Amino acid sequence: MRARRALATLFVLVTCVSCGAGTVSRDDPLPTRARDGDHLTIGIRFDAPGLSQRTIDGRFTGFDVDVATFVARELGVEPDRITWHETTPASRETDLSSGAVDLVVATYSITDKRKQQVTFAGPYFVTGQDLLVRRTSADITGPESLNGRRLCSVTGSTPAQMVKDRFAQRVQLVEYPRYPDCVTALLAGQVDAVTTDAVILAGYVVQNPELLRVVGRTFSTERYGVGLRKGDTTGQRAVDDAIRKMVSSGAWLKSLQANIGPSNYPLPNPPEITEQ
């Protein structure tokens, strides 16, 4: 009898300790999850130099990484309490809805279609689609110059098809799994240009400044937002406040100058943060 009572008492104590510790639900607003869990999992790209890249020694660097780190700190989570999760254009919505990540900072353009599945904070940066070419290709001055040439983009993306539909019907489209593959093909002369957002292309210029250049004629508008779980307006307001503070403190511009400035990409003014 005493043994049974002792076991029962132990069970109650363990249960109470577990209850007292509290649990973090993925349905809680982002600030609550950050506070109660003292941890955030943030989705970023691992292959975008200047924006978010995993280095050989395992560090994560770039403007998007700096934005994500600043936001996390404003939510009370220090950098050593962040888990970086590689997210791709095809997985961003699923990563958020499944709870695999708490937020996404990954060159994530705000669109009406995406807003049906995601709540966005920001924007924290505005760019546009452009072309990356070899420095020796002086005759490529914009998308209209690509008729009869080979244009690379990633599998499943829309930028290259948009060039074909709107500007150069006779362009030959080439697809690779990742943009670094496109850049390698460009350097090897296997394609004539790469297209995606200008600030992404600028990161590859930083890596090869004597060989590559961004044409400098944007032909779309891309507003990068921080992706949150759909309906998390509390988190949206908190992240918006963090972005505003990053801008007003000078940290936003300092990060851009350090990560993108060496490419000679013209740094824009901070965007106006709007209710998404």
C-alpha atoms as a PDB file:
ATOM      1  CA  MET A   1       0.000   0.000   0.000  1.00  0.00           C
ATOM      2  CA  ARG A   2       2.803   2.429   0.954  1.00  0.00           C
ATOM      3  CA  ALA A   3       4.576   1.641  -2.332  1.00  0.00           C
ATOM      4  CA  ARG A   4       1.423   2.456  -4.287  1.00  0.00           C
ATOM      5  CA  ARG A   5       0.985   5.742  -2.408  1.00  0.00           C
ATOM      6  CA  ALA A   6       4.616   6.653  -3.011  1.00  0.00           C
ATOM      7  CA  LEU A   7       4.262   5.969  -6.728  1.00  0.00           C
ATOM      8  CA  ALA A   8       1.067   8.000  -6.873  1.00  0.00           C
ATOM      9  CA  THR A   9       2.722  10.907  -5.079  1.00  0.00           C
ATOM     10  CA  LEU A  10       5.712  10.756  -7.431  1.00  0.00           C
ATOM     11  CA  PHE A  11       3.399  10.780 -10.449  1.00  0.00           C
ATOM     12  CA  VAL A  12       1.575  13.860  -9.160  1.00  0.00           C
ATOM     13  CA  LEU A  13       4.858  15.659  -8.490  1.00  0.00           C
ATOM     14  CA  VAL A  14       6.221  14.889 -11.959  1.00  0.00           C
ATOM     15  CA  THR A  15       2.940  15.955 -13.539  1.00  0.00           C
ATOM     16  CA  CYS A  16       2.893  19.212 -11.578  1.00  0.00           C
ATOM     17  CA  VAL A  17       6.506  19.982 -12.464  1.00  0.00           C
ATOM     18  CA  SER A  18       5.721  19.412 -16.111  1.00  0.00           C
ATOM     19  CA  CYS A  19       2.664  21.636 -15.914  1.00  0.00           C
ATOM     20  CA  GLY A  20       4.550  24.326 -14.063  1.00  0.00           C
ATOM     21  CA  ALA A  21       7.257  24.418 -16.720  1.00  0.00           C
ATOM     22  CA  GLY A  22       4.681  25.441 -19.307  1.00  0.00           C
ATOM     23  CA  THR A  23       4.538  24.541 -22.966  1.00  0.00           C
ATOM     24  CA  VAL A  24       4.810  26.613 -26.115  1.00  0.00           C
ATOM     25  CA  SER A  25       2.106  26.115 -28.700  1.00  0.00           C
ATOM     26  CA  ARG A  26       2.626  26.924 -32.351  1.00  0.00           C
ATOM     27  CA  ASP A  27      -0.811  28.581 -32.206  1.00  0.00           C
ATOM     28  CA  ASP A  28       0.480  31.195 -29.746  1.00  0.00           C
ATOM     29  CA  PRO A  29       1.431  34.611 -31.185  1.00  0.00           C
ATOM     30  CA  LEU A  30       5.096  34.936 -32.121  1.00  0.00           C
ATOM     31  CA  PRO A  31       6.016  37.215 -29.157  1.00  0.00           C
ATOM     32  CA  THR A  32       4.520  34.673 -26.732  1.00  0.00           C
ATOM     33  CA  ARG A  33       6.431  31.782 -28.304  1.00  0.00           C
ATOM     34  CA  ALA A  34       9.644  33.800 -28.199  1.00  0.00           C
ATOM     35  CA  ARG A  35       9.140  34.800 -24.550  1.00  0.00           C
ATOM     36  CA  ASP A  36       7.967  31.459 -23.188  1.00  0.00           C
ATOM     37  CA  GLY A  37      10.290  29.290 -25.240  1.00  0.00           C
ATOM     38  CA  ASP A  38      13.357  31.575 -25.186  1.00  0.00           C
ATOM     39  CA  HIS A  39      14.074  30.206 -28.649  1.00  0.00           C
ATOM     40  CA  LEU A  40      13.124  30.814 -32.282  1.00  0.00           C
ATOM     41  CA  THR A  41      13.505  28.739 -35.424  1.00  0.00           C
ATOM     42  CA  ILE A  42      13.948  31.076 -38.373  1.00  0.00           C
ATOM     43  CA  GLY A  43      13.704  30.080 -42.018  1.00  0.00           C
ATOM     44  CA  ILE A  44      16.360  31.599 -44.267  1.00  0.00           C
ATOM     45  CA  ARG A  45      18.108  30.766 -47.496  1.00  0.00           C
ATOM     46  CA  PHE A  46      21.527  29.157 -47.196  1.00  0.00           C
ATOM     47  CA  ASP A  47      22.751  30.047 -50.699  1.00  0.00           C
ATOM     48  CA  ALA A  48      22.253  33.793 -51.180  1.00  0.00           C
ATOM     49  CA  PRO A  49      25.585  35.623 -50.675  1.00  0.00           C
ATOM     50  CA  GLY A  50      25.165  39.067 -49.172  1.00  0.00           C
ATOM     51  CA  LEU A  51      21.685  38.159 -47.940  1.00  0.00           C
ATOM     52  CA  SER A  52      21.772  34.815 -46.172  1.00  0.00           C
ATOM     53  CA  GLN A  53      24.536  32.314 -46.639  1.00  0.00           C
ATOM     54  CA  ARG A  54      26.010  29.487 -44.615  1.00  0.00           C
ATOM     55  CA  THR A  55      29.787  29.797 -44.648  1.00  0.00           C
ATOM     56  CA  ILE A  56      32.236  26.910 -44.823  1.00  0.00           C
ATOM     57  CA  ASP A  57      32.804  27.120 -41.061  1.00  0.00           C
ATOM     58  CA  GLY A  58      29.061  26.938 -40.356  1.00  0.00           C
ATOM     59  CA  ARG A  59      28.303  30.605 -39.662  1.00  0.00           C
ATOM     60  CA  PHE A  60      25.341  32.455 -41.166  1.00  0.00           C
ATOM     61  CA  THR A  61      25.939  35.878 -42.688  1.00  0.00           C
ATOM     62  CA  GLY A  62      24.091  38.479 -44.728  1.00  0.00           C
ATOM     63  CA  PHE A  63      21.493  41.221 -44.605  1.00  0.00           C
ATOM     64  CA  ASP A  64      18.524  38.873 -44.124  1.00  0.00           C
ATOM     65  CA  VAL A  65      20.392  37.154 -41.287  1.00  0.00           C
ATOM     66  CA  ASP A  66      21.013  40.543 -39.661  1.00  0.00           C
ATOM     67  CA  VAL A  67      17.331  41.480 -40.008  1.00  0.00           C
ATOM     68  CA  ALA A  68      16.244  38.160 -38.501  1.00  0.00           C
ATOM     69  CA  THR A  69      18.741  38.470 -35.638  1.00  0.00           C
ATOM     70  CA  PHE A  70      17.638  42.036 -34.856  1.00  0.00           C
ATOM     71  CA  VAL A  71      13.969  41.014 -34.824  1.00  0.00           C
ATOM     72  CA  ALA A  72      14.705  38.036 -32.577  1.00  0.00           C
ATOM     73  CA  ARG A  73      16.572  40.235 -30.093  1.00  0.00           C
ATOM     74  CA  GLU A  74      13.664  42.677 -29.985  1.00  0.00           C
ATOM     75  CA  LEU A  75      11.457  39.705 -29.135  1.00  0.00           C
ATOM     76  CA  GLY A  76      13.837  38.736 -26.321  1.00  0.00           C
ATOM     77  CA  VAL A  77      15.727  35.916 -28.035  1.00  0.00           C
ATOM     78  CA  GLU A  78      19.513  36.150 -28.212  1.00  0.00           C
ATOM     79  CA  PRO A  79      21.422  34.918 -31.308  1.00  0.00           C
ATOM     80  CA  ASP A  80      22.634  31.751 -29.577  1.00  0.00           C
ATOM     81  CA  ARG A  81      18.983  30.794 -29.035  1.00  0.00           C
ATOM     82  CA  ILE A  82      18.161  30.893 -32.767  1.00  0.00           C
ATOM     83  CA  THR A  83      17.991  27.748 -34.892  1.00  0.00           C
ATOM     84  CA  TRP A  84      18.536  28.533 -38.567  1.00  0.00           C
ATOM     85  CA  HIS A  85      16.403  26.406 -40.879  1.00  0.00           C
ATOM     86  CA  GLU A  86      17.003  26.266 -44.619  1.00  0.00           C
ATOM     87  CA  THR A  87      13.839  27.223 -46.463  1.00  0.00           C
ATOM     88  CA  THR A  88      13.298  27.345 -50.222  1.00  0.00           C
ATOM     89  CA  PRO A  89      10.801  29.200 -52.440  1.00  0.00           C
ATOM     90  CA  ALA A  90       8.800  25.977 -52.702  1.00  0.00           C
ATOM     91  CA  SER A  91       8.693  25.272 -48.947  1.00  0.00           C
ATOM     92  CA  ARG A  92       8.209  28.644 -47.261  1.00  0.00           C
ATOM     93  CA  GLU A  93       4.422  28.451 -46.810  1.00  0.00           C
ATOM     94  CA  THR A  94       4.554  24.842 -45.670  1.00  0.00           C
ATOM     95  CA  ASP A  95       7.380  25.578 -43.227  1.00  0.00           C
ATOM     96  CA  LEU A  96       5.233  28.263 -41.591  1.00  0.00           C
ATOM     97  CA  SER A  97       1.907  26.421 -41.550  1.00  0.00           C
ATOM     98  CA  SER A  98       3.459  23.204 -40.211  1.00  0.00           C
ATOM     99  CA  GLY A  99       5.306  24.969 -37.411  1.00  0.00           C
ATOM    100  CA  ALA A 100       8.714  23.919 -38.733  1.00  0.00           C
ATOM    101  CA  VAL A 101       9.737  27.583 -38.421  1.00  0.00           C
ATOM    102  CA  ASP A 102       8.487  30.523 -36.365  1.00  0.00           C
ATOM    103  CA  LEU A 103       9.158  33.112 -39.047  1.00  0.00           C
ATOM    104  CA  VAL A 104      10.719  33.356 -42.503  1.00  0.00           C
ATOM    105  CA  VAL A 105      13.247  36.002 -43.588  1.00  0.00           C
ATOM    106  CA  ALA A 106      14.265  34.747 -47.002  1.00  0.00           C
ATOM    107  CA  THR A 107      13.934  37.256 -49.882  1.00  0.00           C
ATOM    108  CA  TYR A 108      10.199  36.612 -49.462  1.00  0.00           C
ATOM    109  CA  SER A 109       8.267  38.912 -51.788  1.00  0.00           C
ATOM    110  CA  ILE A 110       4.875  40.056 -50.526  1.00  0.00           C
ATOM    111  CA  THR A 111       2.156  39.125 -53.041  1.00  0.00           C
ATOM    112  CA  ASP A 112      -1.624  38.931 -52.856  1.00  0.00           C
ATOM    113  CA  LYS A 113      -1.497  35.196 -53.571  1.00  0.00           C
ATOM    114  CA  ARG A 114       0.941  34.529 -50.723  1.00  0.00           C
ATOM    115  CA  LYS A 115      -1.066  36.692 -48.346  1.00  0.00           C
ATOM    116  CA  GLN A 116      -3.843  34.112 -48.603  1.00  0.00           C
ATOM    117  CA  GLN A 117      -1.581  31.679 -46.701  1.00  0.00           C
ATOM    118  CA  VAL A 118       0.859  33.913 -44.793  1.00  0.00           C
ATOM    119  CA  THR A 119       0.758  37.050 -42.662  1.00  0.00           C
ATOM    120  CA  PHE A 120       3.573  39.420 -43.630  1.00  0.00           C
ATOM    121  CA  ALA A 121       5.379  42.056 -41.581  1.00  0.00           C
ATOM    122  CA  GLY A 122       7.274  44.801 -43.356  1.00  0.00           C
ATOM    123  CA  PRO A 123       8.358  45.277 -46.018  1.00  0.00           C
ATOM    124  CA  TYR A 124      11.940  45.617 -44.849  1.00  0.00           C
ATOM    125  CA  PHE A 125      13.468  45.967 -48.338  1.00  0.00           C
ATOM    126  CA  VAL A 126      12.343  46.785 -51.876  1.00  0.00           C
ATOM    127  CA  THR A 127      14.141  45.617 -54.999  1.00  0.00           C
ATOM    128  CA  GLY A 128      13.261  44.529 -58.541  1.00  0.00           C
ATOM    129  CA  GLN A 129      14.038  41.858 -61.091  1.00  0.00           C
ATOM    130  CA  ASP A 130      17.268  42.395 -63.058  1.00  0.00           C
ATOM    131  CA  LEU A 131      19.943  40.547 -65.020  1.00  0.00           C
ATOM    132  CA  LEU A 132      23.371  39.237 -64.031  1.00  0.00           C
ATOM    133  CA  VAL A 133      25.831  39.039 -66.933  1.00  0.00           C
ATOM    134  CA  ARG A 134      29.554  38.711 -67.585  1.00  0.00           C
ATOM    135  CA  ARG A 135      31.439  41.997 -67.612  1.00  0.00           C
ATOM    136  CA  THR A 136      32.465  41.271 -71.195  1.00  0.00           C
ATOM    137  CA  SER A 137      28.797  41.207 -72.308  1.00  0.00           C
ATOM    138  CA  ALA A 138      28.482  44.942 -72.820  1.00  0.00           C
ATOM    139  CA  ASP A 139      25.764  44.444 -75.453  1.00  0.00           C
ATOM    140  CA  ILE A 140      23.286  43.057 -72.886  1.00  0.00           C
ATOM    141  CA  THR A 141      21.620  46.218 -71.651  1.00  0.00           C
ATOM    142  CA  GLY A 142      18.236  44.884 -70.542  1.00  0.00           C
ATOM    143  CA  PRO A 143      15.758  42.056 -71.037  1.00  0.00           C
ATOM    144  CA  GLU A 144      15.064  43.111 -74.631  1.00  0.00           C
ATOM    145  CA  SER A 145      18.696  42.226 -75.455  1.00  0.00           C
ATOM    146  CA  LEU A 146      18.170  38.523 -74.760  1.00  0.00           C
ATOM    147  CA  ASN A 147      16.561  37.331 -78.006  1.00  0.00           C
ATOM    148  CA  GLY A 148      18.567  34.368 -79.243  1.00  0.00           C
ATOM    149  CA  ARG A 149      20.502  34.121 -75.977  1.00  0.00           C
ATOM    150  CA  ARG A 150      20.380  31.700 -73.048  1.00  0.00           C
ATOM    151  CA  LEU A 151      18.802  32.917 -69.802  1.00  0.00           C
ATOM    152  CA  CYS A 152      19.096  30.975 -66.546  1.00  0.00           C
ATOM    153  CA  SER A 153      16.866  30.848 -63.503  1.00  0.00           C
ATOM    154  CA  VAL A 154      15.968  28.225 -60.907  1.00  0.00           C
ATOM    155  CA  THR A 155      13.621  25.350 -61.553  1.00  0.00           C
ATOM    156  CA  GLY A 156      10.015  26.261 -60.896  1.00  0.00           C
ATOM    157  CA  SER A 157      10.611  30.025 -60.635  1.00  0.00           C
ATOM    158  CA  THR A 158       8.780  32.628 -62.723  1.00  0.00           C
ATOM    159  CA  PRO A 159      11.341  35.409 -63.464  1.00  0.00           C
ATOM    160  CA  ALA A 160      12.826  33.844 -66.610  1.00  0.00           C
ATOM    161  CA  GLN A 161       9.422  33.024 -68.069  1.00  0.00           C
ATOM    162  CA  MET A 162       8.344  36.603 -67.419  1.00  0.00           C
ATOM    163  CA  VAL A 163      11.309  37.830 -69.498  1.00  0.00           C
ATOM    164  CA  LYS A 164      10.284  35.502 -72.334  1.00  0.00           C
ATOM    165  CA  ASP A 165       6.628  36.527 -72.176  1.00  0.00           C
ATOM    166  CA  ARG A 166       7.153  40.287 -71.917  1.00  0.00           C
ATOM    167  CA  PHE A 167      10.500  41.188 -73.454  1.00  0.00           C
ATOM    168  CA  ALA A 168      12.282  38.534 -75.516  1.00  0.00           C
ATOM    169  CA  GLN A 169      10.139  35.810 -77.065  1.00  0.00           C
ATOM    170  CA  ARG A 170      13.154  34.148 -78.712  1.00  0.00           C
ATOM    171  CA  VAL A 171      15.196  33.781 -75.523  1.00  0.00           C
ATOM    172  CA  GLN A 172      16.232  30.229 -74.620  1.00  0.00           C
ATOM    173  CA  LEU A 173      15.371  29.394 -71.015  1.00  0.00           C
ATOM    174  CA  VAL A 174      17.727  27.232 -68.960  1.00  0.00           C
ATOM    175  CA  GLU A 175      16.865  25.968 -65.469  1.00  0.00           C
ATOM    176  CA  TYR A 176      19.044  24.740 -62.598  1.00  0.00           C
ATOM    177  CA  PRO A 177      18.069  23.702 -59.062  1.00  0.00           C
ATOM    178  CA  ARG A 178      19.808  26.679 -57.385  1.00  0.00           C
ATOM    179  CA  TYR A 179      21.073  30.108 -58.358  1.00  0.00           C
ATOM    180  CA  PRO A 180      24.717  29.234 -57.613  1.00  0.00           C
ATOM    181  CA  ASP A 181      24.384  26.633 -60.381  1.00  0.00           C
ATOM    182  CA  CYS A 182      23.193  29.360 -62.744  1.00  0.00           C
ATOM    183  CA  VAL A 183      26.112  31.587 -61.756  1.00  0.00           C
ATOM    184  CA  THR A 184      28.583  28.759 -62.372  1.00  0.00           C
ATOM    185  CA  ALA A 185      27.046  28.215 -65.813  1.00  0.00           C
ATOM    186  CA  LEU A 186      27.299  31.957 -66.514  1.00  0.00           C
ATOM    187  CA  LEU A 187      30.977  32.070 -65.574  1.00  0.00           C
ATOM    188  CA  ALA A 188      31.604  29.007 -67.783  1.00  0.00           C
ATOM    189  CA  GLY A 189      29.883  30.616 -70.772  1.00  0.00           C
ATOM    190  CA  GLN A 190      27.086  28.044 -70.826  1.00  0.00           C
ATOM    191  CA  VAL A 191      24.413  30.727 -70.382  1.00  0.00           C
ATOM    192  CA  ASP A 192      24.426  34.425 -71.211  1.00  0.00           C
ATOM    193  CA  ALA A 193      22.502  35.865 -68.265  1.00  0.00           C
ATOM    194  CA  VAL A 194      20.873  35.000 -64.959  1.00  0.00           C
ATOM    195  CA  THR A 195      17.680  36.649 -63.760  1.00  0.00           C
ATOM    196  CA  THR A 196      16.131  37.128 -60.334  1.00  0.00           C
ATOM    197  CA  ASP A 197      15.916  40.049 -57.890  1.00  0.00           C
ATOM    198  CA  ALA A 198      18.689  42.606 -58.317  1.00  0.00           C
ATOM    199  CA  VAL A 199      19.844  42.501 -54.695  1.00  0.00           C
ATOM    200  CA  ILE A 200      20.259  38.708 -54.890  1.00  0.00           C
ATOM    201  CA  LEU A 201      22.312  39.069 -58.064  1.00  0.00           C
ATOM    202  CA  ALA A 202      24.417  41.767 -56.396  1.00  0.00           C
ATOM    203  CA  GLY A 203      25.570  39.214 -53.840  1.00  0.00           C
ATOM    204  CA  TYR A 204      27.126  37.131 -56.610  1.00  0.00           C
ATOM    205  CA  VAL A 205      28.894  40.217 -57.936  1.00  0.00           C
ATOM    206  CA  VAL A 206      30.512  40.618 -54.505  1.00  0.00           C
ATOM    207  CA  GLN A 207      31.975  37.126 -54.970  1.00  0.00           C
ATOM    208  CA  ASN A 208      33.183  37.795 -58.550  1.00  0.00           C
ATOM    209  CA  PRO A 209      33.523  41.583 -58.951  1.00  0.00           C
ATOM    210  CA  GLU A 210      36.013  41.387 -61.832  1.00  0.00           C
ATOM    211  CA  LEU A 211      33.914  38.942 -63.843  1.00  0.00           C
ATOM    212  CA  LEU A 212      30.248  39.779 -63.273  1.00  0.00           C
ATOM    213  CA  ARG A 213      27.958  42.793 -63.205  1.00  0.00           C
ATOM    214  CA  VAL A 214      24.287  43.542 -62.642  1.00  0.00           C
ATOM    215  CA  VAL A 215      22.815  45.286 -65.702  1.00  0.00           C
ATOM    216  CA  GLY A 216      20.985  47.792 -63.501  1.00  0.00           C
ATOM    217  CA  ARG A 217      17.588  47.952 -65.218  1.00  0.00           C
ATOM    218  CA  THR A 218      14.953  46.555 -62.896  1.00  0.00           C
ATOM    219  CA  PHE A 219      11.679  45.539 -64.519  1.00  0.00           C
ATOM    220  CA  SER A 220       9.507  44.572 -61.552  1.00  0.00           C
ATOM    221  CA  THR A 221       8.949  45.614 -57.942  1.00  0.00           C
ATOM    222  CA  GLU A 222       9.634  43.104 -55.163  1.00  0.00           C
ATOM    223  CA  ARG A 223       8.790  43.994 -51.549  1.00  0.00           C
ATOM    224  CA  TYR A 224      10.510  41.662 -49.083  1.00  0.00           C
ATOM    225  CA  GLY A 225       8.483  40.829 -45.998  1.00  0.00           C
ATOM    226  CA  VAL A 226       8.932  38.710 -42.890  1.00  0.00           C
ATOM    227  CA  GLY A 227       6.605  35.726 -43.172  1.00  0.00           C
ATOM    228  CA  LEU A 228       4.549  34.753 -40.112  1.00  0.00           C
ATOM    229  CA  ARG A 229       1.876  32.168 -39.423  1.00  0.00           C
ATOM    230  CA  LYS A 230      -1.413  33.209 -41.061  1.00  0.00           C
ATOM    231  CA  GLY A 231      -3.470  35.401 -38.753  1.00  0.00           C
ATOM    232  CA  ASP A 232      -0.678  36.291 -36.321  1.00  0.00           C
ATOM    233  CA  THR A 233      -1.368  40.029 -36.246  1.00  0.00           C
ATOM    234  CA  THR A 234       0.215  40.352 -32.794  1.00  0.00           C
ATOM    235  CA  GLY A 235       3.463  38.988 -34.173  1.00  0.00           C
ATOM    236  CA  GLN A 236       3.105  41.176 -37.242  1.00  0.00           C
ATOM    237  CA  ARG A 237       2.927  44.350 -35.156  1.00  0.00           C
ATOM    238  CA  ALA A 238       5.897  43.268 -33.017  1.00  0.00           C
ATOM    239  CA  VAL A 239       8.054  42.518 -36.067  1.00  0.00           C
ATOM    240  CA  ASP A 240       7.022  45.793 -37.731  1.00  0.00           C
ATOM    241  CA  ASP A 241       8.140  47.658 -34.601  1.00  0.00           C
ATOM    242  CA  ALA A 242      11.457  45.789 -34.654  1.00  0.00           C
ATOM    243  CA  ILE A 243      12.080  46.682 -38.310  1.00  0.00           C
ATOM    244  CA  ARG A 244      11.304  50.338 -37.605  1.00  0.00           C
ATOM    245  CA  LYS A 245      13.799  50.293 -34.746  1.00  0.00           C
ATOM    246  CA  MET A 246      16.459  48.639 -36.934  1.00  0.00           C
ATOM    247  CA  VAL A 247      16.016  51.440 -39.466  1.00  0.00           C
ATOM    248  CA  SER A 248      15.965  54.316 -36.944  1.00  0.00           C
ATOM    249  CA  SER A 249      18.996  52.977 -35.063  1.00  0.00           C
ATOM    250  CA  GLY A 250      21.125  52.907 -38.217  1.00  0.00           C
ATOM    251  CA  ALA A 251      21.611  49.131 -38.020  1.00  0.00           C
ATOM    252  CA  TRP A 252      19.573  48.585 -41.217  1.00  0.00           C
ATOM    253  CA  LEU A 253      21.827  50.784 -43.358  1.00  0.00           C
ATOM    254  CA  LYS A 254      25.002  49.550 -41.681  1.00  0.00           C
ATOM    255  CA  SER A 255      24.113  45.958 -42.533  1.00  0.00           C
ATOM    256  CA  LEU A 256      23.323  46.819 -46.145  1.00  0.00           C
ATOM    257  CA  GLN A 257      26.591  48.706 -46.547  1.00  0.00           C
ATOM    258  CA  ALA A 258      28.583  45.780 -45.154  1.00  0.00           C
ATOM    259  CA  ASN A 259      26.812  42.984 -47.033  1.00  0.00           C
ATOM    260  CA  ILE A 260      25.653  44.518 -50.322  1.00  0.00           C
ATOM    261  CA  GLY A 261      27.689  47.726 -50.620  1.00  0.00           C
ATOM    262  CA  PRO A 262      30.836  46.083 -52.084  1.00  0.00           C
ATOM    263  CA  SER A 263      28.853  45.102 -55.210  1.00  0.00           C
ATOM    264  CA  ASN A 264      28.163  48.798 -55.990  1.00  0.00           C
ATOM    265  CA  TYR A 265      24.457  47.968 -55.974  1.00  0.00           C
ATOM    266  CA  PRO A 266      22.636  51.283 -55.355  1.00  0.00           C
ATOM    267  CA  LEU A 267      21.335  51.023 -51.812  1.00  0.00           C
ATOM    268  CA  PRO A 268      17.691  52.150 -51.584  1.00  0.00           C
ATOM    269  CA  ASN A 269      16.036  54.182 -48.889  1.00  0.00           C
ATOM    270  CA  PRO A 270      14.209  52.194 -46.194  1.00  0.00           C
ATOM    271  CA  PRO A 271      10.714  51.254 -47.376  1.00  0.00           C
ATOM    272  CA  GLU A 272       7.568  52.447 -45.695  1.00  0.00           C
ATOM    273  CA  ILE A 273       6.211  49.692 -43.474  1.00  0.00           C
ATOM    274  CA  THR A 274       2.582  49.123 -44.348  1.00  0.00           C
ATOM    275  CA  GLU A 275      -0.196  47.005 -42.881  1.00  0.00           C
ATOM    276  CA  GLN A 276      -0.288  43.811 -44.940  1.00  0.00           C
END
